Protein backbone atom coordinates (compact mmCIF):
# COMPACT_ATOMS: atom_id res chain seq x y z
CA MET A 1 159.59 51.02 133.61
CA PHE A 2 159.92 52.93 130.41
CA ASP A 3 162.29 51.70 127.77
CA THR A 4 163.14 55.16 126.42
CA PRO A 5 166.65 55.81 125.16
CA VAL A 6 168.59 58.70 126.65
CA ASN A 7 170.74 60.72 124.27
CA THR A 8 173.80 62.56 125.46
CA PHE A 9 175.73 65.19 123.54
CA GLU A 10 179.22 66.61 123.75
CA ASP A 11 178.08 70.23 123.55
CA GLU A 12 175.23 72.58 122.72
CA THR A 13 176.03 72.57 119.00
CA GLU A 14 175.76 68.79 118.79
CA LEU A 15 172.47 68.93 120.71
CA ALA A 16 171.10 71.67 118.44
CA GLU A 17 171.98 69.67 115.32
CA ALA A 18 170.33 66.53 116.70
CA LEU A 19 167.23 68.47 117.69
CA ALA A 20 166.97 70.12 114.27
CA ASN A 21 167.42 66.80 112.48
CA TYR A 22 164.75 65.18 114.65
CA VAL A 23 162.23 67.99 114.09
CA VAL A 24 162.87 68.04 110.34
CA THR A 25 162.43 64.25 110.21
CA CYS A 26 159.09 64.62 112.03
CA TYR A 27 158.19 67.47 109.64
CA LYS A 28 158.93 65.30 106.60
CA GLU A 29 156.84 62.40 107.94
CA ALA A 30 153.94 64.71 108.81
CA ILE A 31 153.94 66.34 105.37
CA GLU A 32 153.97 62.95 103.65
CA THR A 33 151.17 61.64 105.89
CA ARG A 34 148.93 64.65 106.53
CA GLY A 35 150.19 67.46 104.31
CA ARG A 36 150.90 69.69 107.31
CA PHE A 37 153.16 69.82 110.34
CA ALA A 38 151.98 70.84 113.80
CA ILE A 39 154.41 71.36 116.65
CA ALA A 40 154.09 72.80 120.15
CA LEU A 41 157.23 74.33 121.61
CA THR A 42 158.06 75.88 124.93
CA GLY A 43 160.24 78.94 125.18
CA GLY A 44 163.76 78.84 126.46
CA SER A 45 167.09 77.53 125.31
CA ALA A 46 165.78 74.52 123.37
CA LEU A 47 163.58 76.75 121.23
CA SER A 48 166.49 79.14 120.65
CA MET A 49 168.77 76.28 119.63
CA LEU A 50 166.17 74.85 117.27
CA THR A 51 165.36 78.14 115.55
CA ARG A 52 169.05 78.97 115.10
CA MET A 53 169.54 75.67 113.27
CA ILE A 54 166.41 75.35 111.12
CA THR A 55 166.53 78.93 109.87
CA LYS A 56 169.90 78.26 108.18
CA GLU A 57 170.97 75.90 105.44
CA PRO A 58 170.66 73.02 104.84
CA PHE A 59 167.32 73.12 106.67
CA LEU A 60 166.03 76.50 105.50
CA SER A 61 165.50 75.67 101.83
CA TYR A 62 164.07 72.24 102.70
CA ILE A 63 161.21 73.54 104.85
CA ASP A 64 157.93 74.83 103.42
CA TRP A 65 156.95 77.17 106.25
CA SER A 66 153.38 77.50 104.93
CA LYS A 67 152.82 73.89 106.07
CA TRP A 68 153.85 74.61 109.68
CA PHE A 69 151.38 75.12 112.50
CA LEU A 70 153.40 76.36 115.45
CA PHE A 71 151.97 76.52 118.95
CA VAL A 72 153.99 78.27 121.61
CA VAL A 73 153.26 76.80 125.01
CA ASP A 74 154.46 77.44 128.53
CA ASP A 75 155.11 74.41 130.71
CA ARG A 76 155.03 76.55 133.85
CA CYS A 77 151.92 77.65 135.69
CA ILE A 78 152.33 81.43 135.79
CA HIS A 79 150.14 84.45 134.98
CA LEU A 80 150.30 85.86 131.46
CA GLU A 81 151.31 89.21 132.95
CA SER A 82 154.38 87.72 134.63
CA PRO A 83 157.71 88.92 133.18
CA CYS A 84 158.69 85.23 133.13
CA SER A 85 155.79 84.31 130.84
CA ASN A 86 156.53 83.12 127.29
CA TYR A 87 153.37 84.97 126.22
CA HIS A 88 155.32 88.23 125.77
C-alpha cells in the first residue's frame, strides 16, 4: 500500500491557503534548482481556489510570473467542442 498522508481541512479557505503554500514552495524549489517552474493544472474549483490565493499578497509580490510555465489540462476524456471542456 501507499504511505501517502491525507490532509483534511476545516473549510475551503484553509484548503486554499494550504494549496497556495504548497505550490509556492514547489515554485521556490524549482526556481532554485532549474530557474523555471512548470505546473499542469486542471480546471475546476481547485484551480479557482489557487488563483484566488496566489494573485493576492503575500504571494503576488513573491512570484516572478515570467518563470512560470503553465499547462492547462483536462483530466476528463471529452471532445474539445464540448461545453464541459476546459479548452474554452
